[in-house]
Amino acid sequence: GYAFDRTLLFAAGGLAVAGVESKAF
């Protein structure tokens, strides 16, 4: 990011992990 004193603007990226559930009725 880039800091403007008290304000920080940023970009972020990387790994994502999720617990997912699918059902059929």
PDB file of all heavy atoms in Angstrom:
ATOM      1  N   GLY A   1       0.804  -1.204   0.000  1.00  0.00           N
ATOM      2  CA  GLY A   1       0.000   0.000   0.000  1.00  0.00           C
ATOM      3  C   GLY A   1       0.840   1.259   0.000  1.00  0.00           C
ATOM      4  O   GLY A   1       2.079   1.225   0.050  1.00  0.00           O
ATOM      5  N   TYR A   2       0.140   2.399  -0.039  1.00  0.00           N
ATOM      6  CA  TYR A   2       0.758   3.725  -0.036  1.00  0.00           C
ATOM      7  C   TYR A   2       0.123   4.527   1.077  1.00  0.00           C
ATOM      8  O   TYR A   2      -1.114   4.633   1.146  1.00  0.00           O
ATOM      9  CB  TYR A   2       0.565   4.413  -1.386  1.00  0.00           C
ATOM     10  CG  TYR A   2       1.361   5.684  -1.540  1.00  0.00           C
ATOM     11  CD1 TYR A   2       2.680   5.645  -1.971  1.00  0.00           C
ATOM     12  CD2 TYR A   2       0.803   6.920  -1.236  1.00  0.00           C
ATOM     13  CE1 TYR A   2       3.423   6.809  -2.120  1.00  0.00           C
ATOM     14  CE2 TYR A   2       1.530   8.085  -1.376  1.00  0.00           C
ATOM     15  CZ  TYR A   2       2.843   8.032  -1.816  1.00  0.00           C
ATOM     16  OH  TYR A   2       3.577   9.181  -1.955  1.00  0.00           O
ATOM     17  N   ALA A   3       0.948   5.094   1.947  1.00  0.00           N
ATOM     18  CA  ALA A   3       0.449   5.789   3.133  1.00  0.00           C
ATOM     19  C   ALA A   3       0.366   7.289   2.887  1.00  0.00           C
ATOM     20  O   ALA A   3       1.335   7.914   2.428  1.00  0.00           O
ATOM     21  CB  ALA A   3       1.359   5.510   4.328  1.00  0.00           C
ATOM     22  N   PHE A   4      -0.791   7.874   3.188  1.00  0.00           N
ATOM     23  CA  PHE A   4      -0.992   9.317   3.227  1.00  0.00           C
ATOM     24  C   PHE A   4      -1.171   9.694   4.710  1.00  0.00           C
ATOM     25  O   PHE A   4      -2.279   9.984   5.153  1.00  0.00           O
ATOM     26  CB  PHE A   4      -2.225   9.723   2.431  1.00  0.00           C
ATOM     27  CG  PHE A   4      -2.159   9.372   0.975  1.00  0.00           C
ATOM     28  CD1 PHE A   4      -2.594   8.136   0.524  1.00  0.00           C
ATOM     29  CD2 PHE A   4      -1.659  10.266   0.047  1.00  0.00           C
ATOM     30  CE1 PHE A   4      -2.553   7.805  -0.823  1.00  0.00           C
ATOM     31  CE2 PHE A   4      -1.607   9.948  -1.298  1.00  0.00           C
ATOM     32  CZ  PHE A   4      -2.056   8.714  -1.736  1.00  0.00           C
ATOM     33  N   ASP A   5      -0.069   9.629   5.464  1.00  0.00           N
ATOM     34  CA  ASP A   5      -0.097   9.880   6.898  1.00  0.00           C
ATOM     35  C   ASP A   5      -1.065   8.919   7.582  1.00  0.00           C
ATOM     36  O   ASP A   5      -0.771   7.745   7.732  1.00  0.00           O
ATOM     37  CB  ASP A   5      -0.456  11.337   7.188  1.00  0.00           C
ATOM     38  CG  ASP A   5      -0.180  11.709   8.644  1.00  0.00           C
ATOM     39  OD1 ASP A   5       0.734  11.116   9.234  1.00  0.00           O
ATOM     40  OD2 ASP A   5      -0.889  12.571   9.198  1.00  0.00           O
ATOM     41  N   ARG A   6      -2.271   9.379   7.970  1.00  0.00           N
ATOM     42  CA  ARG A   6      -3.206   8.531   8.705  1.00  0.00           C
ATOM     43  C   ARG A   6      -3.995   7.576   7.810  1.00  0.00           C
ATOM     44  O   ARG A   6      -4.684   6.688   8.316  1.00  0.00           O
ATOM     45  CB  ARG A   6      -4.197   9.394   9.497  1.00  0.00           C
ATOM     46  CG  ARG A   6      -3.563  10.126  10.663  1.00  0.00           C
ATOM     47  CD  ARG A   6      -4.612  10.921  11.434  1.00  0.00           C
ATOM     48  NE  ARG A   6      -4.032  11.533  12.614  1.00  0.00           N
ATOM     49  CZ  ARG A   6      -3.913  10.943  13.789  1.00  0.00           C
ATOM     50  NH1 ARG A   6      -4.358   9.707  13.947  1.00  0.00           N
ATOM     51  NH2 ARG A   6      -3.371  11.566  14.806  1.00  0.00           N
ATOM     52  N   THR A   7      -3.935   7.744   6.505  1.00  0.00           N
ATOM     53  CA  THR A   7      -4.696   6.905   5.573  1.00  0.00           C
ATOM     54  C   THR A   7      -3.757   6.014   4.771  1.00  0.00           C
ATOM     55  O   THR A   7      -2.741   6.475   4.252  1.00  0.00           O
ATOM     56  CB  THR A   7      -5.529   7.771   4.620  1.00  0.00           C
ATOM     57  OG1 THR A   7      -6.432   8.584   5.380  1.00  0.00           O
ATOM     58  CG2 THR A   7      -6.329   6.903   3.653  1.00  0.00           C
ATOM     59  N   LEU A   8      -4.109   4.740   4.670  1.00  0.00           N
ATOM     60  CA  LEU A   8      -3.340   3.766   3.898  1.00  0.00           C
ATOM     61  C   LEU A   8      -4.258   3.138   2.856  1.00  0.00           C
ATOM     62  O   LEU A   8      -5.287   2.544   3.194  1.00  0.00           O
ATOM     63  CB  LEU A   8      -2.776   2.680   4.812  1.00  0.00           C
ATOM     64  CG  LEU A   8      -2.060   1.503   4.128  1.00  0.00           C
ATOM     65  CD1 LEU A   8      -0.765   1.989   3.489  1.00  0.00           C
ATOM     66  CD2 LEU A   8      -1.771   0.388   5.120  1.00  0.00           C
ATOM     67  N   LEU A   9      -3.909   3.285   1.588  1.00  0.00           N
ATOM     68  CA  LEU A   9      -4.617   2.611   0.499  1.00  0.00           C
ATOM     69  C   LEU A   9      -3.790   1.401   0.076  1.00  0.00           C
ATOM     70  O   LEU A   9      -2.566   1.511  -0.084  1.00  0.00           O
ATOM     71  CB  LEU A   9      -4.826   3.558  -0.678  1.00  0.00           C
ATOM     72  CG  LEU A   9      -5.622   4.834  -0.383  1.00  0.00           C
ATOM     73  CD1 LEU A   9      -5.763   5.675  -1.641  1.00  0.00           C
ATOM     74  CD2 LEU A   9      -6.986   4.510   0.200  1.00  0.00           C
ATOM     75  N   PHE A  10      -4.436   0.249  -0.125  1.00  0.00           N
ATOM     76  CA  PHE A  10      -3.667  -0.974  -0.358  1.00  0.00           C
ATOM     77  C   PHE A  10      -4.375  -1.917  -1.328  1.00  0.00           C
ATOM     78  O   PHE A  10      -5.576  -1.831  -1.556  1.00  0.00           O
ATOM     79  CB  PHE A  10      -3.428  -1.713   0.969  1.00  0.00           C
ATOM     80  CG  PHE A  10      -4.679  -2.239   1.619  1.00  0.00           C
ATOM     81  CD1 PHE A  10      -5.165  -3.505   1.305  1.00  0.00           C
ATOM     82  CD2 PHE A  10      -5.384  -1.476   2.545  1.00  0.00           C
ATOM     83  CE1 PHE A  10      -6.322  -3.995   1.891  1.00  0.00           C
ATOM     84  CE2 PHE A  10      -6.537  -1.956   3.138  1.00  0.00           C
ATOM     85  CZ  PHE A  10      -7.005  -3.216   2.811  1.00  0.00           C
ATOM     86  N   ALA A  11      -3.577  -2.830  -1.875  1.00  0.00           N
ATOM     87  CA  ALA A  11      -4.070  -3.975  -2.653  1.00  0.00           C
ATOM     88  C   ALA A  11      -3.498  -5.231  -2.006  1.00  0.00           C
ATOM     89  O   ALA A  11      -2.423  -5.199  -1.396  1.00  0.00           O
ATOM     90  CB  ALA A  11      -3.641  -3.873  -4.105  1.00  0.00           C
ATOM     91  N   ALA A  12      -4.224  -6.340  -2.123  1.00  0.00           N
ATOM     92  CA  ALA A  12      -3.798  -7.578  -1.471  1.00  0.00           C
ATOM     93  C   ALA A  12      -4.185  -8.772  -2.340  1.00  0.00           C
ATOM     94  O   ALA A  12      -5.171  -8.727  -3.090  1.00  0.00           O
ATOM     95  CB  ALA A  12      -4.424  -7.716  -0.084  1.00  0.00           C
ATOM     96  N   GLY A  13      -3.423  -9.846  -2.235  1.00  0.00           N
ATOM     97  CA  GLY A  13      -3.740 -11.048  -2.996  1.00  0.00           C
ATOM     98  C   GLY A  13      -2.983 -12.242  -2.466  1.00  0.00           C
ATOM     99  O   GLY A  13      -1.936 -12.109  -1.819  1.00  0.00           O
ATOM    100  N   GLY A  14      -3.531 -13.441  -2.739  1.00  0.00           N
ATOM    101  CA  GLY A  14      -2.868 -14.651  -2.286  1.00  0.00           C
ATOM    102  C   GLY A  14      -3.788 -15.853  -2.291  1.00  0.00           C
ATOM    103  O   GLY A  14      -4.616 -16.033  -3.194  1.00  0.00           O
ATOM    104  N   LEU A  15      -3.672 -16.656  -1.247  1.00  0.00           N
ATOM    105  CA  LEU A  15      -4.375 -17.938  -1.142  1.00  0.00           C
ATOM    106  C   LEU A  15      -5.731 -17.757  -0.460  1.00  0.00           C
ATOM    107  O   LEU A  15      -5.855 -17.021   0.519  1.00  0.00           O
ATOM    108  CB  LEU A  15      -3.521 -18.904  -0.336  1.00  0.00           C
ATOM    109  CG  LEU A  15      -4.089 -20.305  -0.075  1.00  0.00           C
ATOM    110  CD1 LEU A  15      -4.113 -21.121  -1.363  1.00  0.00           C
ATOM    111  CD2 LEU A  15      -3.253 -21.015   1.000  1.00  0.00           C
ATOM    112  N   ALA A  16      -6.747 -18.474  -0.969  1.00  0.00           N
ATOM    113  CA  ALA A  16      -8.077 -18.523  -0.344  1.00  0.00           C
ATOM    114  C   ALA A  16      -8.452 -19.978  -0.108  1.00  0.00           C
ATOM    115  O   ALA A  16      -8.223 -20.842  -0.969  1.00  0.00           O
ATOM    116  CB  ALA A  16      -9.123 -17.855  -1.234  1.00  0.00           C
ATOM    117  N   VAL A  17      -9.008 -20.255   1.060  1.00  0.00           N
ATOM    118  CA  VAL A  17      -9.462 -21.595   1.428  1.00  0.00           C
ATOM    119  C   VAL A  17     -10.865 -21.462   2.018  1.00  0.00           C
ATOM    120  O   VAL A  17     -11.141 -20.514   2.758  1.00  0.00           O
ATOM    121  CB  VAL A  17      -8.517 -22.247   2.463  1.00  0.00           C
ATOM    122  CG1 VAL A  17      -8.960 -23.679   2.758  1.00  0.00           C
ATOM    123  CG2 VAL A  17      -7.080 -22.223   1.979  1.00  0.00           C
ATOM    124  N   ALA A  18     -11.767 -22.410   1.680  1.00  0.00           N
ATOM    125  CA  ALA A  18     -13.149 -22.320   2.172  1.00  0.00           C
ATOM    126  C   ALA A  18     -13.709 -23.697   2.464  1.00  0.00           C
ATOM    127  O   ALA A  18     -13.386 -24.679   1.779  1.00  0.00           O
ATOM    128  CB  ALA A  18     -14.033 -21.600   1.163  1.00  0.00           C
ATOM    129  N   GLY A  19     -14.570 -23.752   3.473  1.00  0.00           N
ATOM    130  CA  GLY A  19     -15.341 -24.951   3.755  1.00  0.00           C
ATOM    131  C   GLY A  19     -16.686 -24.851   3.056  1.00  0.00           C
ATOM    132  O   GLY A  19     -17.508 -23.985   3.388  1.00  0.00           O
ATOM    133  N   VAL A  20     -16.904 -25.710   2.066  1.00  0.00           N
ATOM    134  CA  VAL A  20     -18.070 -25.625   1.185  1.00  0.00           C
ATOM    135  C   VAL A  20     -18.914 -26.877   1.332  1.00  0.00           C
ATOM    136  O   VAL A  20     -18.383 -27.995   1.457  1.00  0.00           O
ATOM    137  CB  VAL A  20     -17.621 -25.444  -0.285  1.00  0.00           C
ATOM    138  CG1 VAL A  20     -18.822 -25.384  -1.217  1.00  0.00           C
ATOM    139  CG2 VAL A  20     -16.763 -24.188  -0.429  1.00  0.00           C
ATOM    140  N   GLU A  21     -20.225 -26.713   1.293  1.00  0.00           N
ATOM    141  CA  GLU A  21     -21.144 -27.849   1.386  1.00  0.00           C
ATOM    142  C   GLU A  21     -22.188 -27.754   0.281  1.00  0.00           C
ATOM    143  O   GLU A  21     -22.780 -26.687   0.069  1.00  0.00           O
ATOM    144  CB  GLU A  21     -21.831 -27.852   2.754  1.00  0.00           C
ATOM    145  CG  GLU A  21     -22.698 -29.073   3.000  1.00  0.00           C
ATOM    146  CD  GLU A  21     -23.292 -29.068   4.397  1.00  0.00           C
ATOM    147  OE1 GLU A  21     -23.440 -27.976   4.992  1.00  0.00           O
ATOM    148  OE2 GLU A  21     -23.616 -30.161   4.890  1.00  0.00           O
ATOM    149  N   SER A  22     -22.394 -28.864  -0.428  1.00  0.00           N
ATOM    150  CA  SER A  22     -23.430 -28.954  -1.460  1.00  0.00           C
ATOM    151  C   SER A  22     -24.370 -30.103  -1.119  1.00  0.00           C
ATOM    152  O   SER A  22     -23.924 -31.159  -0.658  1.00  0.00           O
ATOM    153  CB  SER A  22     -22.808 -29.196  -2.843  1.00  0.00           C
ATOM    154  OG  SER A  22     -21.956 -28.131  -3.214  1.00  0.00           O
ATOM    155  N   LYS A  23     -25.665 -29.894  -1.349  1.00  0.00           N
ATOM    156  CA  LYS A  23     -26.654 -30.932  -1.076  1.00  0.00           C
ATOM    157  C   LYS A  23     -27.645 -31.031  -2.228  1.00  0.00           C
ATOM    158  O   LYS A  23     -27.920 -30.051  -2.926  1.00  0.00           O
ATOM    159  CB  LYS A  23     -27.417 -30.632   0.219  1.00  0.00           C
ATOM    160  CG  LYS A  23     -26.587 -30.776   1.482  1.00  0.00           C
ATOM    161  CD  LYS A  23     -27.440 -30.553   2.729  1.00  0.00           C
ATOM    162  CE  LYS A  23     -26.631 -30.743   4.002  1.00  0.00           C
ATOM    163  NZ  LYS A  23     -27.466 -30.552   5.217  1.00  0.00           N
ATOM    164  N   ALA A  24     -28.157 -32.253  -2.408  1.00  0.00           N
ATOM    165  CA  ALA A  24     -29.238 -32.510  -3.358  1.00  0.00           C
ATOM    166  C   ALA A  24     -30.343 -33.260  -2.613  1.00  0.00           C
ATOM    167  O   ALA A  24     -30.061 -34.226  -1.897  1.00  0.00           O
ATOM    168  CB  ALA A  24     -28.736 -33.328  -4.540  1.00  0.00           C
ATOM    169  N   PHE A  25     -31.597 -32.795  -2.759  1.00  0.00           N
ATOM    170  CA  PHE A  25     -32.731 -33.363  -2.030  1.00  0.00           C
ATOM    171  C   PHE A  25     -33.713 -34.008  -3.008  1.00  0.00           C
ATOM    172  O   PHE A  25     -34.055 -33.407  -4.035  1.00  0.00           O
ATOM    173  CB  PHE A  25     -33.488 -32.271  -1.258  1.00  0.00           C
ATOM    174  CG  PHE A  25     -32.659 -31.539  -0.239  1.00  0.00           C
ATOM    175  CD1 PHE A  25     -31.895 -30.436  -0.601  1.00  0.00           C
ATOM    176  CD2 PHE A  25     -32.654 -31.945   1.087  1.00  0.00           C
ATOM    177  CE1 PHE A  25     -31.155 -29.749   0.332  1.00  0.00           C
ATOM    178  CE2 PHE A  25     -31.907 -31.258   2.035  1.00  0.00           C
ATOM    179  CZ  PHE A  25     -31.157 -30.164   1.660  1.00  0.00           C
TER     180      PHE A  25
END
